[in-house]
PDB file of all heavy atoms in Angstrom:
ATOM      1  N   THR A   1     -11.519  14.344 -28.278  1.00  0.00           N
ATOM      2  CA  THR A   1     -11.394  15.245 -27.153  1.00  0.00           C
ATOM      3  C   THR A   1     -11.429  14.434 -25.853  1.00  0.00           C
ATOM      4  O   THR A   1     -12.071  13.398 -25.810  1.00  0.00           O
ATOM      5  CB  THR A   1     -12.538  16.275 -27.150  1.00  0.00           C
ATOM      6  OG1 THR A   1     -13.786  15.615 -27.053  1.00  0.00           O
ATOM      7  CG2 THR A   1     -12.506  17.143 -28.392  1.00  0.00           C
ATOM      8  N   PRO A   2     -10.761  14.925 -24.798  1.00  0.00           N
ATOM      9  CA  PRO A   2      -9.916  16.107 -24.766  1.00  0.00           C
ATOM     10  C   PRO A   2      -8.542  15.839 -25.375  1.00  0.00           C
ATOM     11  O   PRO A   2      -8.065  14.712 -25.367  1.00  0.00           O
ATOM     12  CB  PRO A   2      -9.798  16.421 -23.263  1.00  0.00           C
ATOM     13  CG  PRO A   2      -9.837  15.063 -22.632  1.00  0.00           C
ATOM     14  CD  PRO A   2     -10.831  14.270 -23.449  1.00  0.00           C
ATOM     15  N   ARG A   3      -7.920  16.894 -25.866  1.00  0.00           N
ATOM     16  CA  ARG A   3      -6.650  16.734 -26.569  1.00  0.00           C
ATOM     17  C   ARG A   3      -5.568  16.112 -25.654  1.00  0.00           C
ATOM     18  O   ARG A   3      -4.803  15.267 -26.082  1.00  0.00           O
ATOM     19  CB  ARG A   3      -6.178  18.091 -27.109  1.00  0.00           C
ATOM     20  CG  ARG A   3      -4.847  18.027 -27.812  1.00  0.00           C
ATOM     21  CD  ARG A   3      -4.475  19.379 -28.395  1.00  0.00           C
ATOM     22  NE  ARG A   3      -5.471  19.812 -29.397  1.00  0.00           N
ATOM     23  CZ  ARG A   3      -5.399  20.946 -30.061  1.00  0.00           C
ATOM     24  NH1 ARG A   3      -4.378  21.776 -29.842  1.00  0.00           N
ATOM     25  NH2 ARG A   3      -6.298  21.280 -30.944  1.00  0.00           N
ATOM     26  N   TYR A   4      -5.556  16.552 -24.382  1.00  0.00           N
ATOM     27  CA  TYR A   4      -4.488  16.039 -23.486  1.00  0.00           C
ATOM     28  C   TYR A   4      -4.641  14.549 -23.201  1.00  0.00           C
ATOM     29  O   TYR A   4      -3.691  13.882 -22.816  1.00  0.00           O
ATOM     30  CB  TYR A   4      -4.517  16.821 -22.170  1.00  0.00           C
ATOM     31  CG  TYR A   4      -5.716  16.553 -21.297  1.00  0.00           C
ATOM     32  CD1 TYR A   4      -5.737  15.490 -20.399  1.00  0.00           C
ATOM     33  CD2 TYR A   4      -6.835  17.363 -21.380  1.00  0.00           C
ATOM     34  CE1 TYR A   4      -6.851  15.245 -19.620  1.00  0.00           C
ATOM     35  CE2 TYR A   4      -7.944  17.126 -20.593  1.00  0.00           C
ATOM     36  CZ  TYR A   4      -7.952  16.082 -19.705  1.00  0.00           C
ATOM     37  OH  TYR A   4      -9.069  15.830 -18.939  1.00  0.00           O
ATOM     38  N   GLY A   5      -5.853  14.008 -23.416  1.00  0.00           N
ATOM     39  CA  GLY A   5      -6.062  12.603 -23.107  1.00  0.00           C
ATOM     40  C   GLY A   5      -5.190  11.665 -23.906  1.00  0.00           C
ATOM     41  O   GLY A   5      -4.795  10.615 -23.431  1.00  0.00           O
ATOM     42  N   TYR A   6      -4.837  12.058 -25.118  1.00  0.00           N
ATOM     43  CA  TYR A   6      -4.019  11.207 -25.962  1.00  0.00           C
ATOM     44  C   TYR A   6      -2.551  11.260 -25.601  1.00  0.00           C
ATOM     45  O   TYR A   6      -1.771  10.404 -26.013  1.00  0.00           O
ATOM     46  CB  TYR A   6      -4.184  11.627 -27.449  1.00  0.00           C
ATOM     47  CG  TYR A   6      -5.586  11.452 -27.925  1.00  0.00           C
ATOM     48  CD1 TYR A   6      -6.479  12.513 -27.953  1.00  0.00           C
ATOM     49  CD2 TYR A   6      -6.027  10.198 -28.367  1.00  0.00           C
ATOM     50  CE1 TYR A   6      -7.795  12.344 -28.400  1.00  0.00           C
ATOM     51  CE2 TYR A   6      -7.336  10.034 -28.811  1.00  0.00           C
ATOM     52  CZ  TYR A   6      -8.205  11.109 -28.819  1.00  0.00           C
ATOM     53  OH  TYR A   6      -9.493  10.935 -29.245  1.00  0.00           O
ATOM     54  N   LYS A   7      -2.166  12.239 -24.772  1.00  0.00           N
ATOM     55  CA  LYS A   7      -0.774  12.364 -24.346  1.00  0.00           C
ATOM     56  C   LYS A   7      -0.564  11.907 -22.896  1.00  0.00           C
ATOM     57  O   LYS A   7       0.579  11.801 -22.441  1.00  0.00           O
ATOM     58  CB  LYS A   7      -0.321  13.826 -24.470  1.00  0.00           C
ATOM     59  CG  LYS A   7      -0.149  14.311 -25.901  1.00  0.00           C
ATOM     60  CD  LYS A   7       1.091  13.695 -26.527  1.00  0.00           C
ATOM     61  CE  LYS A   7       1.388  14.280 -27.887  1.00  0.00           C
ATOM     62  NZ  LYS A   7       2.604  13.700 -28.494  1.00  0.00           N
ATOM     63  N   LEU A   8      -1.659  11.645 -22.199  1.00  0.00           N
ATOM     64  CA  LEU A   8      -1.564  11.383 -20.770  1.00  0.00           C
ATOM     65  C   LEU A   8      -0.749  10.135 -20.461  1.00  0.00           C
ATOM     66  O   LEU A   8       0.020  10.107 -19.506  1.00  0.00           O
ATOM     67  CB  LEU A   8      -2.936  11.268 -20.152  1.00  0.00           C
ATOM     68  CG  LEU A   8      -3.033  11.349 -18.643  1.00  0.00           C
ATOM     69  CD1 LEU A   8      -2.367  12.597 -18.108  1.00  0.00           C
ATOM     70  CD2 LEU A   8      -4.482  11.294 -18.182  1.00  0.00           C
ATOM     71  N   TRP A   9      -0.867   9.095 -21.272  1.00  0.00           N
ATOM     72  CA  TRP A   9      -0.104   7.870 -21.025  1.00  0.00           C
ATOM     73  C   TRP A   9       1.394   8.142 -21.091  1.00  0.00           C
ATOM     74  O   TRP A   9       2.181   7.494 -20.358  1.00  0.00           O
ATOM     75  CB  TRP A   9      -0.476   6.776 -22.021  1.00  0.00           C
ATOM     76  CG  TRP A   9       0.125   6.921 -23.386  1.00  0.00           C
ATOM     77  CD1 TRP A   9      -0.410   7.551 -24.455  1.00  0.00           C
ATOM     78  CD2 TRP A   9       1.406   6.464 -23.805  1.00  0.00           C
ATOM     79  NE1 TRP A   9       0.447   7.532 -25.527  1.00  0.00           N
ATOM     80  CE2 TRP A   9       1.596   6.857 -25.153  1.00  0.00           C
ATOM     81  CE3 TRP A   9       2.429   5.776 -23.164  1.00  0.00           C
ATOM     82  CZ2 TRP A   9       2.731   6.568 -25.877  1.00  0.00           C
ATOM     83  CZ3 TRP A   9       3.595   5.476 -23.889  1.00  0.00           C
ATOM     84  CH2 TRP A   9       3.723   5.866 -25.237  1.00  0.00           C
ATOM     85  N   GLU A  10       1.797   9.085 -21.949  1.00  0.00           N
ATOM     86  CA  GLU A  10       3.216   9.374 -22.089  1.00  0.00           C
ATOM     87  C   GLU A  10       3.800   9.973 -20.812  1.00  0.00           C
ATOM     88  O   GLU A  10       4.823   9.526 -20.306  1.00  0.00           O
ATOM     89  CB  GLU A  10       3.452  10.336 -23.254  1.00  0.00           C
ATOM     90  CG  GLU A  10       3.077   9.742 -24.618  1.00  0.00           C
ATOM     91  CD  GLU A  10       3.404  10.696 -25.755  1.00  0.00           C
ATOM     92  OE1 GLU A  10       3.854  11.841 -25.482  1.00  0.00           O
ATOM     93  OE2 GLU A  10       3.200  10.322 -26.917  1.00  0.00           O
ATOM     94  N   SER A  11       3.111  10.984 -20.276  1.00  0.00           N
ATOM     95  CA  SER A  11       3.631  11.626 -19.052  1.00  0.00           C
ATOM     96  C   SER A  11       3.532  10.685 -17.851  1.00  0.00           C
ATOM     97  O   SER A  11       4.370  10.719 -16.950  1.00  0.00           O
ATOM     98  CB  SER A  11       2.895  12.935 -18.784  1.00  0.00           C
ATOM     99  OG  SER A  11       1.500  12.732 -18.717  1.00  0.00           O
ATOM    100  N   LEU A  12       2.531   9.810 -17.820  1.00  0.00           N
ATOM    101  CA  LEU A  12       2.458   8.799 -16.754  1.00  0.00           C
ATOM    102  C   LEU A  12       3.668   7.850 -16.855  1.00  0.00           C
ATOM    103  O   LEU A  12       4.285   7.516 -15.852  1.00  0.00           O
ATOM    104  CB  LEU A  12       1.157   8.027 -16.836  1.00  0.00           C
ATOM    105  CG  LEU A  12      -0.093   8.781 -16.379  1.00  0.00           C
ATOM    106  CD1 LEU A  12      -1.346   8.007 -16.755  1.00  0.00           C
ATOM    107  CD2 LEU A  12      -0.058   8.986 -14.868  1.00  0.00           C
ATOM    108  N   SER A  13       3.973   7.414 -18.073  1.00  0.00           N
ATOM    109  CA  SER A  13       5.119   6.546 -18.265  1.00  0.00           C
ATOM    110  C   SER A  13       6.419   7.208 -17.843  1.00  0.00           C
ATOM    111  O   SER A  13       7.271   6.633 -17.181  1.00  0.00           O
ATOM    112  CB  SER A  13       5.211   6.107 -19.729  1.00  0.00           C
ATOM    113  OG  SER A  13       6.369   5.370 -19.985  1.00  0.00           O
ATOM    114  N   GLN A  14       6.563   8.492 -18.199  1.00  0.00           N
ATOM    115  CA  GLN A  14       7.753   9.237 -17.850  1.00  0.00           C
ATOM    116  C   GLN A  14       7.855   9.482 -16.347  1.00  0.00           C
ATOM    117  O   GLN A  14       8.939   9.699 -15.819  1.00  0.00           O
ATOM    118  CB  GLN A  14       7.764  10.564 -18.618  1.00  0.00           C
ATOM    119  CG  GLN A  14       7.922  10.370 -20.114  1.00  0.00           C
ATOM    120  CD  GLN A  14       7.301  11.481 -20.931  1.00  0.00           C
ATOM    121  OE1 GLN A  14       6.818  12.487 -20.389  1.00  0.00           O
ATOM    122  NE2 GLN A  14       7.282  11.311 -22.238  1.00  0.00           N
ATOM    123  N   GLN A  15       6.725   9.411 -15.639  1.00  0.00           N
ATOM    124  CA  GLN A  15       6.721   9.562 -14.195  1.00  0.00           C
ATOM    125  C   GLN A  15       6.844   8.209 -13.476  1.00  0.00           C
ATOM    126  O   GLN A  15       6.798   8.145 -12.250  1.00  0.00           O
ATOM    127  CB  GLN A  15       5.413  10.235 -13.743  1.00  0.00           C
ATOM    128  CG  GLN A  15       5.334  11.727 -14.048  1.00  0.00           C
ATOM    129  CD  GLN A  15       6.156  12.565 -13.099  1.00  0.00           C
ATOM    130  OE1 GLN A  15       6.786  12.070 -12.170  1.00  0.00           O
ATOM    131  NE2 GLN A  15       6.136  13.874 -13.304  1.00  0.00           N
ATOM    132  N   GLY A  16       7.045   7.129 -14.236  1.00  0.00           N
ATOM    133  CA  GLY A  16       7.286   5.813 -13.633  1.00  0.00           C
ATOM    134  C   GLY A  16       6.059   5.017 -13.354  1.00  0.00           C
ATOM    135  O   GLY A  16       6.087   4.089 -12.517  1.00  0.00           O
ATOM    136  N   VAL A  17       4.954   5.306 -14.043  1.00  0.00           N
ATOM    137  CA  VAL A  17       3.694   4.591 -13.834  1.00  0.00           C
ATOM    138  C   VAL A  17       3.220   4.071 -15.187  1.00  0.00           C
ATOM    139  O   VAL A  17       3.272   4.788 -16.195  1.00  0.00           O
ATOM    140  CB  VAL A  17       2.607   5.536 -13.242  1.00  0.00           C
ATOM    141  CG1 VAL A  17       1.268   4.824 -13.174  1.00  0.00           C
ATOM    142  CG2 VAL A  17       3.026   5.990 -11.852  1.00  0.00           C
ATOM    143  N   SER A  18       2.772   2.830 -15.223  1.00  0.00           N
ATOM    144  CA  SER A  18       2.212   2.270 -16.458  1.00  0.00           C
ATOM    145  C   SER A  18       0.708   2.473 -16.480  1.00  0.00           C
ATOM    146  O   SER A  18       0.051   2.454 -15.448  1.00  0.00           O
ATOM    147  CB  SER A  18       2.542   0.782 -16.556  1.00  0.00           C
ATOM    148  OG  SER A  18       3.947   0.590 -16.652  1.00  0.00           O
ATOM    149  N   ALA A  19       0.157   2.680 -17.674  1.00  0.00           N
ATOM    150  CA  ALA A  19      -1.270   2.977 -17.797  1.00  0.00           C
ATOM    151  C   ALA A  19      -1.835   2.351 -19.058  1.00  0.00           C
ATOM    152  O   ALA A  19      -1.130   2.064 -20.014  1.00  0.00           O
ATOM    153  CB  ALA A  19      -1.478   4.493 -17.820  1.00  0.00           C
ATOM    154  N   ASP A  20      -3.142   2.121 -19.042  1.00  0.00           N
ATOM    155  CA  ASP A  20      -3.892   1.660 -20.194  1.00  0.00           C
ATOM    156  C   ASP A  20      -5.128   2.558 -20.365  1.00  0.00           C
ATOM    157  O   ASP A  20      -5.596   3.188 -19.408  1.00  0.00           O
ATOM    158  CB  ASP A  20      -4.365   0.216 -20.041  1.00  0.00           C
ATOM    159  CG  ASP A  20      -3.221  -0.787 -20.150  1.00  0.00           C
ATOM    160  OD1 ASP A  20      -2.370  -0.600 -21.015  1.00  0.00           O
ATOM    161  OD2 ASP A  20      -3.200  -1.751 -19.361  1.00  0.00           O
ATOM    162  N   TYR A  21      -5.659   2.581 -21.568  1.00  0.00           N
ATOM    163  CA  TYR A  21      -6.956   3.218 -21.831  1.00  0.00           C
ATOM    164  C   TYR A  21      -8.023   2.128 -21.743  1.00  0.00           C
ATOM    165  O   TYR A  21      -7.889   1.077 -22.385  1.00  0.00           O
ATOM    166  CB  TYR A  21      -6.983   3.864 -23.204  1.00  0.00           C
ATOM    167  CG  TYR A  21      -6.065   5.079 -23.302  1.00  0.00           C
ATOM    168  CD1 TYR A  21      -4.768   4.939 -23.786  1.00  0.00           C
ATOM    169  CD2 TYR A  21      -6.514   6.337 -22.915  1.00  0.00           C
ATOM    170  CE1 TYR A  21      -3.931   6.047 -23.868  1.00  0.00           C
ATOM    171  CE2 TYR A  21      -5.666   7.441 -23.005  1.00  0.00           C
ATOM    172  CZ  TYR A  21      -4.378   7.280 -23.483  1.00  0.00           C
ATOM    173  OH  TYR A  21      -3.560   8.374 -23.570  1.00  0.00           O
ATOM    174  N   LEU A  22      -9.072   2.352 -20.960  1.00  0.00           N
ATOM    175  CA  LEU A  22     -10.082   1.344 -20.708  1.00  0.00           C
ATOM    176  C   LEU A  22     -11.404   1.700 -21.397  1.00  0.00           C
ATOM    177  O   LEU A  22     -11.867   2.826 -21.270  1.00  0.00           O
ATOM    178  CB  LEU A  22     -10.338   1.164 -19.202  1.00  0.00           C
ATOM    179  CG  LEU A  22      -9.126   0.791 -18.356  1.00  0.00           C
ATOM    180  CD1 LEU A  22      -9.551   0.567 -16.902  1.00  0.00           C
ATOM    181  CD2 LEU A  22      -8.418  -0.439 -18.902  1.00  0.00           C
ATOM    182  N   HIS A  23     -11.965   0.723 -22.109  1.00  0.00           N
ATOM    183  CA  HIS A  23     -13.268   0.878 -22.709  1.00  0.00           C
ATOM    184  C   HIS A  23     -14.343   0.675 -21.638  1.00  0.00           C
ATOM    185  O   HIS A  23     -14.136   0.029 -20.628  1.00  0.00           O
ATOM    186  CB  HIS A  23     -13.423  -0.180 -23.822  1.00  0.00           C
ATOM    187  CG  HIS A  23     -14.611   0.010 -24.692  1.00  0.00           C
ATOM    188  ND1 HIS A  23     -15.857  -0.507 -24.353  1.00  0.00           N
ATOM    189  CD2 HIS A  23     -14.786   0.665 -25.863  1.00  0.00           C
ATOM    190  CE1 HIS A  23     -16.722  -0.185 -25.315  1.00  0.00           C
ATOM    191  NE2 HIS A  23     -16.094   0.516 -26.218  1.00  0.00           N
ATOM    192  N   GLU A  24     -15.543   1.245 -21.904  1.00  0.00           N
ATOM    193  CA  GLU A  24     -16.630   1.078 -20.931  1.00  0.00           C
ATOM    194  C   GLU A  24     -16.944  -0.382 -20.679  1.00  0.00           C
ATOM    195  O   GLU A  24     -17.316  -0.759 -19.555  1.00  0.00           O
ATOM    196  CB  GLU A  24     -17.870   1.830 -21.416  1.00  0.00           C
ATOM    197  CG  GLU A  24     -17.764   3.327 -21.283  1.00  0.00           C
ATOM    198  CD  GLU A  24     -19.088   4.034 -21.442  1.00  0.00           C
ATOM    199  OE1 GLU A  24     -19.974   3.869 -20.593  1.00  0.00           O
ATOM    200  OE2 GLU A  24     -19.257   4.740 -22.479  1.00  0.00           O
ATOM    201  N   ALA A  25     -16.815  -1.231 -21.706  1.00  0.00           N
ATOM    202  CA  ALA A  25     -17.113  -2.658 -21.529  1.00  0.00           C
ATOM    203  C   ALA A  25     -16.164  -3.294 -20.516  1.00  0.00           C
ATOM    204  O   ALA A  25     -16.552  -4.222 -19.789  1.00  0.00           O
ATOM    205  CB  ALA A  25     -17.033  -3.380 -22.856  1.00  0.00           C
ATOM    206  N   VAL A  26     -14.914  -2.792 -20.447  1.00  0.00           N
ATOM    207  CA  VAL A  26     -13.953  -3.297 -19.462  1.00  0.00           C
ATOM    208  C   VAL A  26     -14.424  -2.951 -18.049  1.00  0.00           C
ATOM    209  O   VAL A  26     -14.415  -3.781 -17.159  1.00  0.00           O
ATOM    210  CB  VAL A  26     -12.552  -2.735 -19.745  1.00  0.00           C
ATOM    211  CG1 VAL A  26     -11.597  -3.102 -18.597  1.00  0.00           C
ATOM    212  CG2 VAL A  26     -12.028  -3.271 -21.050  1.00  0.00           C
ATOM    213  N   LEU A  27     -14.838  -1.700 -17.861  1.00  0.00           N
ATOM    214  CA  LEU A  27     -15.307  -1.287 -16.541  1.00  0.00           C
ATOM    215  C   LEU A  27     -16.557  -2.094 -16.131  1.00  0.00           C
ATOM    216  O   LEU A  27     -16.680  -2.520 -14.989  1.00  0.00           O
ATOM    217  CB  LEU A  27     -15.625   0.200 -16.544  1.00  0.00           C
ATOM    218  CG  LEU A  27     -14.426   1.132 -16.704  1.00  0.00           C
ATOM    219  CD1 LEU A  27     -14.885   2.581 -16.800  1.00  0.00           C
ATOM    220  CD2 LEU A  27     -13.457   0.967 -15.568  1.00  0.00           C
ATOM    221  N   GLN A  28     -17.462  -2.294 -17.080  1.00  0.00           N
ATOM    222  CA  GLN A  28     -18.687  -3.043 -16.748  1.00  0.00           C
ATOM    223  C   GLN A  28     -18.403  -4.491 -16.442  1.00  0.00           C
ATOM    224  O   GLN A  28     -19.121  -5.131 -15.665  1.00  0.00           O
ATOM    225  CB  GLN A  28     -19.669  -2.910 -17.910  1.00  0.00           C
ATOM    226  CG  GLN A  28     -20.194  -1.504 -18.136  1.00  0.00           C
ATOM    227  CD  GLN A  28     -21.132  -1.417 -19.320  1.00  0.00           C
ATOM    228  OE1 GLN A  28     -21.680  -2.421 -19.788  1.00  0.00           O
ATOM    229  NE2 GLN A  28     -21.333  -0.208 -19.865  1.00  0.00           N
ATOM    230  N   GLY A  29     -17.348  -5.066 -17.030  1.00  0.00           N
ATOM    231  CA  GLY A  29     -17.028  -6.458 -16.807  1.00  0.00           C
ATOM    232  C   GLY A  29     -15.983  -6.724 -15.761  1.00  0.00           C
ATOM    233  O   GLY A  29     -15.621  -7.870 -15.521  1.00  0.00           O
ATOM    234  N   ALA A  30     -15.519  -5.664 -15.130  1.00  0.00           N
ATOM    235  CA  ALA A  30     -14.448  -5.805 -14.138  1.00  0.00           C
ATOM    236  C   ALA A  30     -14.987  -6.205 -12.772  1.00  0.00           C
ATOM    237  O   ALA A  30     -16.177  -6.092 -12.499  1.00  0.00           O
ATOM    238  CB  ALA A  30     -13.664  -4.492 -14.004  1.00  0.00           C
ATOM    239  N   SER A  31     -14.091  -6.660 -11.933  1.00  0.00           N
ATOM    240  CA  SER A  31     -14.428  -6.929 -10.508  1.00  0.00           C
ATOM    241  C   SER A  31     -13.605  -5.938  -9.678  1.00  0.00           C
ATOM    242  O   SER A  31     -12.580  -5.423 -10.118  1.00  0.00           O
ATOM    243  CB  SER A  31     -14.116  -8.360 -10.109  1.00  0.00           C
ATOM    244  OG  SER A  31     -12.728  -8.641 -10.266  1.00  0.00           O
ATOM    245  N   PHE A  32     -14.071  -5.704  -8.448  1.00  0.00           N
ATOM    246  CA  PHE A  32     -13.468  -4.687  -7.596  1.00  0.00           C
ATOM    247  C   PHE A  32     -13.293  -5.236  -6.198  1.00  0.00           C
ATOM    248  O   PHE A  32     -14.243  -5.726  -5.581  1.00  0.00           O
ATOM    249  CB  PHE A  32     -14.338  -3.427  -7.573  1.00  0.00           C
ATOM    250  CG  PHE A  32     -14.852  -2.985  -8.915  1.00  0.00           C
ATOM    251  CD1 PHE A  32     -16.189  -3.152  -9.251  1.00  0.00           C
ATOM    252  CD2 PHE A  32     -13.989  -2.465  -9.840  1.00  0.00           C
ATOM    253  CE1 PHE A  32     -16.658  -2.780 -10.480  1.00  0.00           C
ATOM    254  CE2 PHE A  32     -14.436  -2.080 -11.093  1.00  0.00           C
ATOM    255  CZ  PHE A  32     -15.776  -2.241 -11.427  1.00  0.00           C
ATOM    256  N   ALA A  33     -12.049  -5.163  -5.697  1.00  0.00           N
ATOM    257  CA  ALA A  33     -11.772  -5.601  -4.345  1.00  0.00           C
ATOM    258  C   ALA A  33     -10.433  -5.052  -3.899  1.00  0.00           C
ATOM    259  O   ALA A  33      -9.527  -4.880  -4.725  1.00  0.00           O
ATOM    260  CB  ALA A  33     -11.745  -7.141  -4.269  1.00  0.00           C
ATOM    261  N   ASP A  34     -10.330  -4.762  -2.614  1.00  0.00           N
ATOM    262  CA  ASP A  34      -9.056  -4.290  -2.035  1.00  0.00           C
ATOM    263  C   ASP A  34      -8.487  -3.066  -2.722  1.00  0.00           C
ATOM    264  O   ASP A  34      -7.280  -2.915  -2.875  1.00  0.00           O
ATOM    265  CB  ASP A  34      -8.014  -5.433  -2.044  1.00  0.00           C
ATOM    266  CG  ASP A  34      -8.507  -6.664  -1.312  1.00  0.00           C
ATOM    267  OD1 ASP A  34      -9.191  -6.515  -0.288  1.00  0.00           O
ATOM    268  OD2 ASP A  34      -8.230  -7.781  -1.791  1.00  0.00           O
ATOM    269  N   GLY A  35      -9.359  -2.189  -3.217  1.00  0.00           N
ATOM    270  CA  GLY A  35      -8.925  -0.978  -3.870  1.00  0.00           C
ATOM    271  C   GLY A  35      -8.460  -1.145  -5.303  1.00  0.00           C
ATOM    272  O   GLY A  35      -7.955  -0.197  -5.889  1.00  0.00           O
ATOM    273  N   LEU A  36      -8.623  -2.337  -5.866  1.00  0.00           N
ATOM    274  CA  LEU A  36      -8.151  -2.616  -7.218  1.00  0.00           C
ATOM    275  C   LEU A  36      -9.308  -2.840  -8.188  1.00  0.00           C
ATOM    276  O   LEU A  36     -10.350  -3.393  -7.807  1.00  0.00           O
ATOM    277  CB  LEU A  36      -7.249  -3.854  -7.242  1.00  0.00           C
ATOM    278  CG  LEU A  36      -5.947  -3.781  -6.442  1.00  0.00           C
ATOM    279  CD1 LEU A  36      -5.239  -5.130  -6.513  1.00  0.00           C
ATOM    280  CD2 LEU A  36      -5.042  -2.671  -6.978  1.00  0.00           C
TER     281      LEU A  36
END
């Protein structure tokens, strides 16, 4: 759950945006600057 979550990457791709699914470990190990 949620059901739409598994389809969201498809509609993002069809709208011209690339996306990934991020694990919590990625967020905890990421750096943040300049809005990225």
